[in-house]
N, C-alpha and C. Protein backbone atom coordinates (compact mmCIF):
# COMPACT_ATOMS: atom_id res chain seq x y z
N UNK A 1 90.41 70.26 70.38
CA UNK A 1 90.31 70.36 71.85
C UNK A 1 89.46 71.57 72.22
N UNK A 2 88.48 71.35 73.06
CA UNK A 2 87.63 72.43 73.53
C UNK A 2 88.26 73.10 74.75
N UNK A 3 88.32 74.42 74.70
CA UNK A 3 88.86 75.18 75.82
C UNK A 3 87.76 76.03 76.41
N UNK A 4 87.54 75.87 77.70
CA UNK A 4 86.50 76.66 78.37
C UNK A 4 86.87 78.14 78.32
N UNK A 5 85.87 78.97 78.27
CA UNK A 5 86.09 80.42 78.21
C UNK A 5 86.87 80.91 79.42
N UNK A 6 86.62 80.29 80.58
CA UNK A 6 87.26 80.73 81.82
C UNK A 6 88.58 80.01 82.09
N UNK A 7 89.03 79.19 81.15
CA UNK A 7 90.26 78.44 81.35
C UNK A 7 91.46 79.38 81.39
N UNK A 8 92.46 79.02 82.20
CA UNK A 8 93.70 79.81 82.26
C UNK A 8 94.39 79.85 80.90
N UNK A 9 94.19 78.80 80.10
CA UNK A 9 94.81 78.76 78.78
C UNK A 9 94.27 79.85 77.88
N UNK A 10 93.08 80.33 78.20
CA UNK A 10 92.43 81.34 77.36
C UNK A 10 92.48 82.73 77.99
N UNK A 11 93.25 82.87 79.07
CA UNK A 11 93.32 84.14 79.80
C UNK A 11 94.29 85.10 79.12
N UNK A 12 93.82 86.30 78.79
CA UNK A 12 94.66 87.28 78.10
C UNK A 12 95.77 87.83 78.99
N UNK A 13 95.59 87.79 80.30
CA UNK A 13 96.59 88.35 81.20
C UNK A 13 97.61 87.31 81.67
N UNK A 14 97.50 86.10 81.16
CA UNK A 14 98.39 85.04 81.61
C UNK A 14 99.86 85.37 81.34
N UNK A 15 100.14 85.99 80.20
CA UNK A 15 101.53 86.29 79.82
C UNK A 15 102.19 87.25 80.80
N UNK A 16 101.40 88.12 81.43
CA UNK A 16 101.95 89.10 82.36
C UNK A 16 101.74 88.70 83.82
N UNK A 17 101.12 87.55 84.05
CA UNK A 17 100.82 87.12 85.41
C UNK A 17 102.08 86.69 86.16
N UNK A 18 102.15 87.07 87.42
CA UNK A 18 103.28 86.68 88.26
C UNK A 18 103.23 85.19 88.57
N UNK A 19 102.03 84.66 88.74
CA UNK A 19 101.86 83.28 89.18
C UNK A 19 101.64 82.32 88.02
N UNK A 20 100.88 82.74 87.03
CA UNK A 20 100.40 81.80 86.01
C UNK A 20 101.27 81.73 84.75
N UNK A 21 102.46 82.30 84.77
CA UNK A 21 103.29 82.31 83.57
C UNK A 21 103.72 80.91 83.15
N UNK A 22 103.99 80.04 84.14
CA UNK A 22 104.41 78.67 83.84
C UNK A 22 103.21 77.82 83.44
N UNK A 23 103.29 77.07 82.33
CA UNK A 23 102.16 76.22 81.91
C UNK A 23 101.79 75.18 82.96
N UNK A 24 102.79 74.61 83.64
CA UNK A 24 102.52 73.60 84.66
C UNK A 24 101.75 74.20 85.84
N UNK A 25 102.23 75.35 86.31
CA UNK A 25 101.57 76.01 87.44
C UNK A 25 100.19 76.51 87.03
N UNK A 26 100.10 77.04 85.82
CA UNK A 26 98.82 77.53 85.32
C UNK A 26 97.77 76.42 85.28
N UNK A 27 98.18 75.22 84.89
CA UNK A 27 97.25 74.09 84.83
C UNK A 27 96.74 73.72 86.22
N UNK A 28 97.60 73.81 87.23
CA UNK A 28 97.19 73.51 88.60
C UNK A 28 96.23 74.57 89.13
N UNK A 29 96.55 75.82 88.86
CA UNK A 29 95.71 76.92 89.33
C UNK A 29 94.34 76.87 88.66
N UNK A 30 94.32 76.43 87.42
CA UNK A 30 93.06 76.34 86.68
C UNK A 30 92.05 75.45 87.40
N UNK A 31 92.55 74.47 88.15
CA UNK A 31 91.68 73.51 88.83
C UNK A 31 91.13 74.04 90.16
N UNK A 32 91.81 75.02 90.75
CA UNK A 32 91.45 75.43 92.12
C UNK A 32 90.92 76.86 92.21
N UNK A 33 91.10 77.64 91.17
CA UNK A 33 90.73 79.06 91.23
C UNK A 33 89.21 79.23 91.26
N UNK A 34 88.80 80.38 91.78
CA UNK A 34 87.40 80.79 91.75
C UNK A 34 87.35 82.16 91.09
N UNK A 35 86.63 82.26 89.99
CA UNK A 35 86.56 83.52 89.26
C UNK A 35 85.52 84.44 89.90
N UNK A 36 85.91 85.70 90.11
CA UNK A 36 85.04 86.68 90.77
C UNK A 36 84.93 87.93 89.90
N UNK A 37 83.74 88.49 89.84
CA UNK A 37 83.51 89.72 89.08
C UNK A 37 83.07 90.83 90.03
N UNK A 38 83.65 92.01 89.84
CA UNK A 38 83.32 93.16 90.69
C UNK A 38 82.99 94.36 89.82
N UNK A 39 81.94 95.07 90.20
CA UNK A 39 81.57 96.29 89.51
C UNK A 39 82.41 97.47 90.01
N UNK A 40 82.44 98.52 89.23
CA UNK A 40 83.15 99.74 89.62
C UNK A 40 82.69 100.20 91.01
N UNK A 41 83.66 100.42 91.90
CA UNK A 41 83.35 100.90 93.24
C UNK A 41 83.13 99.81 94.27
N UNK A 42 83.02 98.56 93.84
CA UNK A 42 82.80 97.47 94.79
C UNK A 42 84.09 97.12 95.53
N UNK A 43 83.94 96.70 96.78
CA UNK A 43 85.09 96.29 97.59
C UNK A 43 85.40 94.82 97.34
N UNK A 44 86.68 94.53 97.18
CA UNK A 44 87.13 93.15 97.02
C UNK A 44 87.48 92.58 98.39
N UNK A 45 88.17 93.37 99.19
CA UNK A 45 88.32 93.05 100.61
C UNK A 45 88.49 94.36 101.37
N UNK A 46 88.23 94.29 102.68
CA UNK A 46 88.25 95.48 103.52
C UNK A 46 89.31 95.37 104.60
N UNK A 47 89.83 96.50 105.00
CA UNK A 47 90.79 96.56 106.09
C UNK A 47 90.21 95.89 107.34
N UNK A 48 90.99 95.01 107.95
CA UNK A 48 90.54 94.33 109.16
C UNK A 48 89.99 92.94 108.93
N UNK A 49 89.61 92.63 107.69
CA UNK A 49 89.10 91.28 107.41
C UNK A 49 90.26 90.31 107.24
N UNK A 50 89.96 89.02 107.38
CA UNK A 50 91.01 88.00 107.36
C UNK A 50 91.20 87.44 105.94
N UNK A 51 92.44 87.38 105.47
CA UNK A 51 92.71 86.83 104.14
C UNK A 51 92.61 85.30 104.12
N UNK A 52 91.95 84.79 103.11
CA UNK A 52 91.80 83.34 102.96
C UNK A 52 92.54 82.82 101.74
N UNK A 53 93.05 83.74 100.94
CA UNK A 53 93.75 83.35 99.73
C UNK A 53 94.28 84.57 99.00
N UNK A 54 94.64 84.36 97.76
CA UNK A 54 95.28 85.39 96.94
C UNK A 54 94.37 85.75 95.77
N UNK A 55 94.41 87.01 95.35
CA UNK A 55 93.65 87.45 94.19
C UNK A 55 94.60 87.83 93.05
N UNK A 56 94.34 87.32 91.86
CA UNK A 56 95.06 87.75 90.67
C UNK A 56 94.06 88.46 89.76
N UNK A 57 94.52 89.53 89.14
CA UNK A 57 93.63 90.35 88.32
C UNK A 57 93.66 89.89 86.87
N UNK A 58 92.50 89.52 86.37
CA UNK A 58 92.39 89.07 84.98
C UNK A 58 92.09 90.23 84.05
N UNK A 59 91.21 91.13 84.48
CA UNK A 59 90.90 92.32 83.68
C UNK A 59 90.41 93.42 84.61
N UNK A 60 90.51 94.66 84.15
CA UNK A 60 90.04 95.78 84.96
C UNK A 60 91.17 96.49 85.69
N UNK A 61 90.81 97.17 86.77
CA UNK A 61 91.77 97.95 87.55
C UNK A 61 91.31 98.01 89.00
N UNK A 62 92.24 97.78 89.92
CA UNK A 62 91.94 97.76 91.35
C UNK A 62 92.90 98.68 92.08
N UNK A 63 92.40 99.39 93.09
CA UNK A 63 93.28 100.22 93.91
C UNK A 63 93.29 99.70 95.34
N UNK A 64 94.45 99.81 95.97
CA UNK A 64 94.59 99.52 97.39
C UNK A 64 94.71 100.85 98.11
N UNK A 65 93.84 101.09 99.08
CA UNK A 65 93.86 102.38 99.76
C UNK A 65 93.72 102.20 101.26
N UNK A 66 94.27 103.17 101.98
CA UNK A 66 94.15 103.21 103.44
C UNK A 66 93.55 104.54 103.84
N UNK A 67 92.94 104.57 105.02
CA UNK A 67 92.37 105.79 105.55
C UNK A 67 93.20 106.28 106.73
N UNK A 68 93.56 107.56 106.70
CA UNK A 68 94.35 108.13 107.78
C UNK A 68 93.48 108.37 109.00
N UNK A 69 94.12 108.72 110.11
CA UNK A 69 93.37 109.01 111.34
C UNK A 69 92.47 110.23 111.17
N UNK A 70 92.80 111.10 110.18
CA UNK A 70 91.98 112.27 109.91
C UNK A 70 90.82 111.95 108.96
N UNK A 71 90.78 110.70 108.48
CA UNK A 71 89.70 110.29 107.60
C UNK A 71 89.99 110.47 106.12
N UNK A 72 91.23 110.82 105.78
CA UNK A 72 91.60 110.98 104.37
C UNK A 72 92.03 109.64 103.77
N UNK A 73 91.66 109.43 102.51
CA UNK A 73 92.03 108.19 101.82
C UNK A 73 93.30 108.39 101.02
N UNK A 74 94.19 107.40 101.07
CA UNK A 74 95.45 107.46 100.33
C UNK A 74 95.61 106.17 99.53
N UNK A 75 95.89 106.31 98.24
CA UNK A 75 96.08 105.15 97.38
C UNK A 75 97.51 104.63 97.50
N UNK A 76 97.64 103.37 97.87
CA UNK A 76 98.95 102.75 98.01
C UNK A 76 99.45 102.18 96.69
N UNK A 77 98.56 101.48 95.99
CA UNK A 77 98.93 100.82 94.75
C UNK A 77 97.75 100.81 93.80
N UNK A 78 98.07 100.75 92.51
CA UNK A 78 97.09 100.51 91.47
C UNK A 78 97.51 99.24 90.75
N UNK A 79 96.59 98.32 90.59
CA UNK A 79 96.92 97.00 90.05
C UNK A 79 96.07 96.72 88.82
N UNK A 80 96.75 96.38 87.72
CA UNK A 80 96.07 96.06 86.48
C UNK A 80 96.14 94.58 86.17
N UNK A 81 95.71 94.17 84.97
CA UNK A 81 95.71 92.75 84.58
C UNK A 81 97.07 92.09 84.77
N UNK A 82 97.04 90.89 85.34
CA UNK A 82 98.27 90.15 85.62
C UNK A 82 98.81 90.41 87.01
N UNK A 83 98.29 91.44 87.68
CA UNK A 83 98.77 91.79 89.01
C UNK A 83 98.16 90.93 90.10
N UNK A 84 98.70 91.08 91.30
CA UNK A 84 98.30 90.27 92.45
C UNK A 84 98.00 91.20 93.62
N UNK A 85 96.95 90.89 94.38
CA UNK A 85 96.64 91.67 95.58
C UNK A 85 96.36 90.72 96.75
N UNK A 86 96.61 91.24 97.94
CA UNK A 86 96.31 90.51 99.16
C UNK A 86 97.42 89.62 99.67
N UNK A 87 98.58 89.64 99.03
CA UNK A 87 99.63 88.69 99.40
C UNK A 87 100.35 89.07 100.69
N UNK A 88 100.50 90.35 100.99
CA UNK A 88 101.25 90.74 102.19
C UNK A 88 100.58 90.21 103.45
N UNK A 89 99.31 90.50 103.59
CA UNK A 89 98.59 90.05 104.79
C UNK A 89 98.47 88.53 104.82
N UNK A 90 98.29 87.93 103.64
CA UNK A 90 98.13 86.47 103.57
C UNK A 90 99.36 85.77 104.12
N UNK A 91 100.54 86.15 103.65
CA UNK A 91 101.76 85.46 104.05
C UNK A 91 102.28 85.92 105.40
N UNK A 92 101.85 87.10 105.85
CA UNK A 92 102.25 87.58 107.17
C UNK A 92 101.35 87.04 108.27
N UNK A 93 100.24 86.41 107.88
CA UNK A 93 99.30 85.89 108.86
C UNK A 93 98.57 86.98 109.61
N UNK A 94 98.31 88.10 108.91
CA UNK A 94 97.64 89.25 109.53
C UNK A 94 96.33 89.54 108.82
N UNK A 95 95.52 90.36 109.45
CA UNK A 95 94.32 90.85 108.77
C UNK A 95 94.75 91.88 107.72
N UNK A 96 93.87 92.15 106.78
CA UNK A 96 94.19 93.13 105.74
C UNK A 96 94.43 94.50 106.35
N UNK A 97 95.46 95.19 105.86
CA UNK A 97 95.80 96.52 106.35
C UNK A 97 95.33 97.63 105.40
N UNK A 98 94.63 97.25 104.34
CA UNK A 98 94.14 98.22 103.37
C UNK A 98 92.84 97.72 102.77
N UNK A 99 92.16 98.61 102.06
CA UNK A 99 90.95 98.25 101.33
C UNK A 99 91.30 98.05 99.86
N UNK A 100 90.72 97.04 99.24
CA UNK A 100 90.89 96.81 97.80
C UNK A 100 89.57 97.13 97.12
N UNK A 101 89.60 98.08 96.18
CA UNK A 101 88.37 98.57 95.56
C UNK A 101 88.54 98.56 94.04
N UNK A 102 87.52 98.11 93.34
CA UNK A 102 87.55 98.10 91.88
C UNK A 102 87.38 99.52 91.35
N UNK A 103 88.37 100.00 90.61
CA UNK A 103 88.30 101.33 90.00
C UNK A 103 87.40 101.28 88.77
N UNK A 104 87.36 100.13 88.12
CA UNK A 104 86.45 99.89 87.00
C UNK A 104 85.99 98.44 87.10
N UNK A 105 85.00 98.06 86.30
CA UNK A 105 84.54 96.68 86.32
C UNK A 105 85.74 95.74 86.14
N UNK A 106 85.87 94.77 87.03
CA UNK A 106 87.07 93.93 87.05
C UNK A 106 86.72 92.47 87.26
N UNK A 107 87.57 91.61 86.72
CA UNK A 107 87.46 90.17 86.92
C UNK A 107 88.74 89.68 87.59
N UNK A 108 88.58 88.95 88.69
CA UNK A 108 89.71 88.44 89.44
C UNK A 108 89.57 86.94 89.66
N UNK A 109 90.70 86.30 89.86
CA UNK A 109 90.70 84.89 90.21
C UNK A 109 91.19 84.76 91.65
N UNK A 110 90.42 84.05 92.46
CA UNK A 110 90.78 83.82 93.85
C UNK A 110 91.42 82.45 93.97
N UNK A 111 92.60 82.40 94.63
CA UNK A 111 93.33 81.15 94.83
C UNK A 111 93.43 80.89 96.33
N UNK A 112 92.82 79.82 96.84
CA UNK A 112 92.87 79.53 98.28
C UNK A 112 94.30 79.36 98.79
N UNK A 113 94.54 79.77 100.03
CA UNK A 113 95.89 79.77 100.60
C UNK A 113 96.53 78.39 100.63
N UNK A 114 95.82 77.38 101.14
CA UNK A 114 96.42 76.06 101.30
C UNK A 114 96.85 75.48 99.96
N UNK A 115 96.02 75.63 98.94
CA UNK A 115 96.36 75.12 97.61
C UNK A 115 97.53 75.89 97.00
N UNK A 116 97.56 77.20 97.24
CA UNK A 116 98.66 78.02 96.72
C UNK A 116 99.99 77.61 97.35
N UNK A 117 100.00 77.41 98.66
CA UNK A 117 101.23 76.99 99.34
C UNK A 117 101.69 75.62 98.86
N UNK A 118 100.74 74.76 98.56
CA UNK A 118 101.07 73.44 98.04
C UNK A 118 101.74 73.55 96.67
N UNK A 119 101.24 74.46 95.84
CA UNK A 119 101.83 74.68 94.52
C UNK A 119 103.25 75.23 94.66
N UNK A 120 103.44 76.18 95.57
CA UNK A 120 104.78 76.74 95.78
C UNK A 120 105.75 75.66 96.28
N UNK A 121 105.26 74.75 97.12
CA UNK A 121 106.12 73.68 97.64
C UNK A 121 106.56 72.73 96.53
N UNK A 122 105.66 72.46 95.60
CA UNK A 122 105.96 71.52 94.52
C UNK A 122 106.67 72.19 93.34
N UNK A 123 106.56 73.51 93.26
CA UNK A 123 107.18 74.25 92.15
C UNK A 123 107.97 75.43 92.73
N UNK A 124 109.15 75.17 93.27
CA UNK A 124 109.94 76.23 93.91
C UNK A 124 110.29 77.37 92.96
N UNK A 125 110.35 77.10 91.66
CA UNK A 125 110.65 78.17 90.71
C UNK A 125 109.54 79.23 90.71
N UNK A 126 108.30 78.78 90.93
CA UNK A 126 107.18 79.72 91.02
C UNK A 126 107.28 80.55 92.29
N UNK A 127 107.72 79.90 93.37
CA UNK A 127 107.90 80.60 94.64
C UNK A 127 109.00 81.66 94.53
N UNK A 128 110.10 81.32 93.87
CA UNK A 128 111.20 82.28 93.69
C UNK A 128 110.77 83.46 92.82
N UNK A 129 110.00 83.17 91.79
CA UNK A 129 109.52 84.24 90.92
C UNK A 129 108.60 85.19 91.69
N UNK A 130 107.81 84.61 92.58
CA UNK A 130 106.91 85.44 93.38
C UNK A 130 107.69 86.27 94.39
N UNK A 131 108.75 85.71 94.96
CA UNK A 131 109.60 86.46 95.89
C UNK A 131 110.27 87.64 95.18
N UNK A 132 110.68 87.42 93.95
CA UNK A 132 111.28 88.50 93.16
C UNK A 132 110.27 89.63 92.95
N UNK A 133 109.03 89.25 92.67
CA UNK A 133 107.97 90.25 92.50
C UNK A 133 107.76 91.04 93.78
N UNK A 134 107.74 90.35 94.93
CA UNK A 134 107.53 91.02 96.21
C UNK A 134 108.65 92.02 96.49
N UNK A 135 109.89 91.64 96.19
CA UNK A 135 111.02 92.54 96.42
C UNK A 135 110.92 93.79 95.55
N UNK A 136 110.54 93.63 94.30
CA UNK A 136 110.39 94.78 93.41
C UNK A 136 109.25 95.68 93.87
N UNK A 137 108.18 95.05 94.32
CA UNK A 137 107.03 95.82 94.80
C UNK A 137 107.39 96.62 96.04
N UNK A 138 108.19 96.03 96.92
CA UNK A 138 108.64 96.72 98.12
C UNK A 138 109.51 97.91 97.76
N UNK A 139 110.40 97.73 96.79
CA UNK A 139 111.26 98.84 96.35
C UNK A 139 110.43 99.99 95.81
N UNK A 140 109.42 99.69 95.00
CA UNK A 140 108.57 100.74 94.45
C UNK A 140 107.81 101.47 95.55
N UNK A 141 107.36 100.72 96.56
CA UNK A 141 106.64 101.34 97.67
C UNK A 141 107.56 102.26 98.46
N UNK A 142 108.82 101.85 98.65
CA UNK A 142 109.78 102.68 99.36
C UNK A 142 110.09 103.95 98.58
N UNK A 143 110.22 103.84 97.27
CA UNK A 143 110.50 105.01 96.44
C UNK A 143 109.35 106.00 96.50
N UNK A 144 108.12 105.49 96.46
CA UNK A 144 106.95 106.36 96.54
C UNK A 144 106.89 107.05 97.90
N UNK A 145 107.21 106.32 98.95
CA UNK A 145 107.18 106.88 100.30
C UNK A 145 108.22 107.99 100.44
N UNK A 146 109.42 107.79 99.89
CA UNK A 146 110.47 108.81 99.95
C UNK A 146 110.03 110.06 99.19
N UNK A 147 109.41 109.85 98.02
CA UNK A 147 108.93 110.99 97.24
C UNK A 147 107.89 111.79 98.01
N UNK A 148 107.03 111.10 98.75
CA UNK A 148 105.99 111.78 99.51
C UNK A 148 106.61 112.68 100.57
N UNK A 149 107.76 112.27 101.11
CA UNK A 149 108.42 113.04 102.16
C UNK A 149 109.17 114.24 101.58
N UNK A 150 109.92 114.00 100.50
CA UNK A 150 110.84 115.01 99.98
C UNK A 150 110.18 116.07 99.11
N UNK A 151 109.03 115.76 98.52
CA UNK A 151 108.44 116.67 97.54
C UNK A 151 107.22 117.40 98.08
N UNK A 152 107.03 118.61 97.58
CA UNK A 152 105.85 119.37 97.91
C UNK A 152 104.67 118.92 97.07
N UNK A 153 103.49 119.48 97.36
CA UNK A 153 102.28 119.05 96.66
C UNK A 153 102.34 119.25 95.15
N UNK A 154 102.81 120.41 94.63
CA UNK A 154 102.87 120.58 93.17
C UNK A 154 103.74 119.53 92.49
N UNK A 155 104.87 119.20 93.11
CA UNK A 155 105.75 118.18 92.54
C UNK A 155 105.08 116.81 92.54
N UNK A 156 104.36 116.50 93.62
CA UNK A 156 103.68 115.21 93.70
C UNK A 156 102.53 115.11 92.70
N UNK A 157 101.84 116.22 92.49
CA UNK A 157 100.74 116.23 91.50
C UNK A 157 101.31 116.03 90.10
N UNK A 158 102.41 116.71 89.79
CA UNK A 158 103.04 116.55 88.48
C UNK A 158 103.48 115.10 88.28
N UNK A 159 104.08 114.53 89.30
CA UNK A 159 104.52 113.14 89.22
C UNK A 159 103.33 112.19 89.07
N UNK A 160 102.24 112.51 89.76
CA UNK A 160 101.05 111.65 89.72
C UNK A 160 100.44 111.61 88.33
N UNK A 161 100.29 112.77 87.68
CA UNK A 161 99.65 112.75 86.36
C UNK A 161 100.55 112.08 85.33
N UNK A 162 101.86 112.19 85.50
CA UNK A 162 102.77 111.48 84.61
C UNK A 162 102.64 109.97 84.79
N UNK A 163 102.66 109.53 86.05
CA UNK A 163 102.58 108.10 86.35
C UNK A 163 101.26 107.52 85.87
N UNK A 164 100.16 108.18 86.18
CA UNK A 164 98.85 107.65 85.84
C UNK A 164 98.65 107.61 84.33
N UNK A 165 99.16 108.60 83.63
CA UNK A 165 99.02 108.60 82.18
C UNK A 165 99.92 107.55 81.53
N UNK A 166 101.11 107.36 82.07
CA UNK A 166 102.04 106.38 81.49
C UNK A 166 101.57 104.95 81.71
N UNK A 167 100.98 104.68 82.87
CA UNK A 167 100.62 103.31 83.22
C UNK A 167 99.16 102.96 82.98
N UNK A 168 98.28 103.97 82.99
CA UNK A 168 96.85 103.72 82.82
C UNK A 168 96.27 104.81 81.91
N UNK A 169 96.77 104.87 80.69
CA UNK A 169 96.46 105.98 79.79
C UNK A 169 94.99 106.06 79.39
N UNK A 170 94.27 104.94 79.44
CA UNK A 170 92.87 104.95 79.03
C UNK A 170 91.91 105.27 80.17
N UNK A 171 92.45 105.39 81.37
CA UNK A 171 91.61 105.65 82.53
C UNK A 171 91.48 107.15 82.77
N UNK A 172 90.25 107.62 82.99
CA UNK A 172 90.01 109.03 83.30
C UNK A 172 89.87 109.16 84.81
N UNK A 173 90.77 109.90 85.42
CA UNK A 173 90.84 109.98 86.87
C UNK A 173 90.13 111.22 87.40
N UNK A 174 89.41 111.05 88.50
CA UNK A 174 88.83 112.21 89.17
C UNK A 174 89.94 112.95 89.91
N UNK A 175 89.67 114.19 90.25
CA UNK A 175 90.68 114.97 91.00
C UNK A 175 90.90 114.36 92.38
N UNK A 176 89.85 113.75 92.94
CA UNK A 176 89.99 113.08 94.23
C UNK A 176 90.93 111.89 94.12
N UNK A 177 90.81 111.11 93.04
CA UNK A 177 91.67 109.94 92.85
C UNK A 177 93.12 110.35 92.64
N UNK A 178 93.33 111.44 91.90
CA UNK A 178 94.70 111.95 91.72
C UNK A 178 95.27 112.38 93.07
N UNK A 179 94.43 113.04 93.87
CA UNK A 179 94.87 113.48 95.20
C UNK A 179 95.23 112.30 96.09
N UNK A 180 94.45 111.23 96.02
CA UNK A 180 94.73 110.05 96.84
C UNK A 180 96.06 109.42 96.45
N UNK A 181 96.39 109.45 95.16
CA UNK A 181 97.67 108.90 94.72
C UNK A 181 98.82 109.82 95.08
N UNK A 182 98.59 111.14 94.98
CA UNK A 182 99.66 112.11 95.22
C UNK A 182 99.85 112.42 96.70
N UNK A 183 98.93 111.97 97.54
CA UNK A 183 99.05 112.25 98.97
C UNK A 183 98.75 113.69 99.31
N UNK A 184 97.70 114.24 98.69
CA UNK A 184 97.31 115.62 98.97
C UNK A 184 95.79 115.71 98.93
N UNK A 185 95.25 116.92 98.79
CA UNK A 185 93.80 117.10 98.79
C UNK A 185 93.29 117.38 97.38
N UNK A 186 92.01 117.10 97.11
CA UNK A 186 91.44 117.41 95.79
C UNK A 186 91.54 118.90 95.47
N UNK A 187 91.39 119.75 96.49
CA UNK A 187 91.48 121.19 96.26
C UNK A 187 92.88 121.59 95.78
N UNK A 188 93.90 120.98 96.38
CA UNK A 188 95.27 121.26 95.97
C UNK A 188 95.52 120.77 94.55
N UNK A 189 94.98 119.61 94.23
CA UNK A 189 95.12 119.08 92.86
C UNK A 189 94.48 120.03 91.86
N UNK A 190 93.28 120.51 92.15
CA UNK A 190 92.58 121.42 91.23
C UNK A 190 93.35 122.72 91.05
N UNK A 191 93.88 123.27 92.15
CA UNK A 191 94.65 124.52 92.05
C UNK A 191 95.93 124.30 91.24
N UNK A 192 96.60 123.18 91.50
CA UNK A 192 97.85 122.89 90.81
C UNK A 192 97.62 122.67 89.32
N UNK A 193 96.59 121.91 88.98
CA UNK A 193 96.30 121.67 87.57
C UNK A 193 95.90 122.95 86.85
N UNK A 194 95.16 123.81 87.55
CA UNK A 194 94.78 125.11 86.96
C UNK A 194 96.02 125.95 86.67
N UNK A 195 96.99 125.90 87.60
CA UNK A 195 98.24 126.64 87.39
C UNK A 195 99.02 126.05 86.22
N UNK A 196 99.08 124.72 86.14
CA UNK A 196 99.76 124.08 85.02
C UNK A 196 99.11 124.49 83.69
N UNK A 197 97.77 124.58 83.72
CA UNK A 197 97.05 124.95 82.50
C UNK A 197 97.34 126.39 82.11
N UNK A 198 97.41 127.28 83.10
CA UNK A 198 97.73 128.69 82.82
C UNK A 198 99.12 128.82 82.22
N UNK A 199 100.03 127.95 82.64
CA UNK A 199 101.40 127.98 82.12
C UNK A 199 101.52 127.30 80.76
N UNK A 200 100.41 126.74 80.28
CA UNK A 200 100.43 126.09 78.97
C UNK A 200 101.05 124.71 78.97
N UNK A 201 101.11 124.08 80.15
CA UNK A 201 101.74 122.77 80.26
C UNK A 201 100.77 121.63 80.01
N UNK A 202 99.50 121.86 80.34
CA UNK A 202 98.47 120.83 80.16
C UNK A 202 97.20 121.48 79.63
N UNK A 203 96.28 120.64 79.21
CA UNK A 203 94.94 121.08 78.84
C UNK A 203 93.95 120.17 79.55
N UNK A 204 92.86 120.73 80.06
CA UNK A 204 91.87 119.95 80.79
C UNK A 204 90.53 119.99 80.05
N UNK A 205 89.93 118.81 79.94
CA UNK A 205 88.59 118.70 79.35
C UNK A 205 87.83 117.67 80.17
N UNK A 206 87.06 118.16 81.15
CA UNK A 206 86.40 117.24 82.08
C UNK A 206 87.46 116.52 82.89
N UNK A 207 87.36 115.19 82.94
CA UNK A 207 88.37 114.41 83.66
C UNK A 207 89.67 114.26 82.87
N UNK A 208 89.59 114.46 81.57
CA UNK A 208 90.75 114.21 80.72
C UNK A 208 91.80 115.31 80.91
N UNK A 209 93.04 114.86 81.11
CA UNK A 209 94.18 115.77 81.23
C UNK A 209 95.14 115.47 80.08
N UNK A 210 95.37 116.47 79.25
CA UNK A 210 96.28 116.30 78.12
C UNK A 210 97.58 117.03 78.44
N UNK A 211 98.67 116.29 78.50
CA UNK A 211 99.96 116.89 78.79
C UNK A 211 100.53 117.46 77.49
N UNK A 212 100.71 118.77 77.46
CA UNK A 212 101.20 119.45 76.26
C UNK A 212 102.72 119.54 76.26
N UNK A 213 103.28 119.91 77.40
CA UNK A 213 104.73 120.05 77.51
C UNK A 213 105.23 119.06 78.56
N UNK A 214 105.47 117.85 78.10
CA UNK A 214 105.85 116.77 79.01
C UNK A 214 107.17 117.06 79.72
N UNK A 215 108.13 117.65 78.99
CA UNK A 215 109.43 117.92 79.60
C UNK A 215 109.31 118.89 80.77
N UNK A 216 108.40 119.86 80.66
CA UNK A 216 108.21 120.83 81.74
C UNK A 216 107.53 120.19 82.94
N UNK A 217 106.57 119.30 82.67
CA UNK A 217 105.90 118.59 83.76
C UNK A 217 106.91 117.69 84.47
N UNK A 218 107.80 117.07 83.71
CA UNK A 218 108.84 116.23 84.31
C UNK A 218 109.77 117.05 85.18
N UNK A 219 110.09 118.27 84.73
CA UNK A 219 110.94 119.15 85.53
C UNK A 219 110.27 119.48 86.86
N UNK A 220 108.96 119.75 86.80
CA UNK A 220 108.23 120.05 88.04
C UNK A 220 108.17 118.83 88.95
N UNK A 221 108.01 117.66 88.36
CA UNK A 221 107.91 116.44 89.16
C UNK A 221 109.22 116.14 89.88
N UNK A 222 110.33 116.52 89.29
CA UNK A 222 111.64 116.19 89.86
C UNK A 222 112.26 117.35 90.62
N UNK A 223 111.54 118.47 90.68
CA UNK A 223 112.08 119.63 91.41
C UNK A 223 111.92 119.41 92.91
N UNK A 224 113.00 119.64 93.65
CA UNK A 224 112.98 119.51 95.11
C UNK A 224 113.56 120.78 95.72
C-alpha cells in the first residue's frame, strides 16, 4: 500500500494530536485538511481576523501573543507538534483575540469549521476528548494568570526559564521572548539573569541559558 507523504497515517505528531488520535477520525480529517507551511516569524492569523477553521500543528513551534494598550507583547501560549490553535474564537463565534506567530519554521494542518463540526457530530468521543483538552488548557491559563499576579519579576523569570527549558529544551529564546512569557520587560530579564549568573545559578552563552543549580532556581520561582 502506498502512503502519501502528507497522509495523516504518516504524521509523526499524530500520536500526540488532540484530534487525530483516533484512526477513524484521522481518516476523515485526512480528506479535508489543508497543509500549510510557515517560515519563522510569519503570522498564521492576526488579532481581529475571522476564524474559518482550526489549525493543528504537525511540526515546529507557534506562539499566541497579545499586545497591551501600552504596546507591549505578552505570550499567552506556546504550542508544539500535536497542539491546536484557534479553537476558542472559532467555537465562540468571535474574531481572533490574539496573534499566532511561527517561532520557528512550522507545518500546520487547517481543518474547515463545517467539516470539523460534522466530524464531532458523528464521533462524539472525539468531541469529548477535545472538551477535556479545552478544560485542561483553561486550567493552565488560570494558573499562569494567578502566578503573574502573585509573583514579582525575578520569580516569574525563574519560572519562565524552567518552563521553557523543560518543555522546549532545543529552542534558544531571546531575552525579549522570555520577557513576553514572564510578563515583564527584556531589560528586567537581562538584569535578573545577570544576577542569577553572579550567584552561580546559571551560565549564559549567547541565547543559551544553562541552569547549574536547578533547585535554587526552583526556590526562586516559588518564592512569594
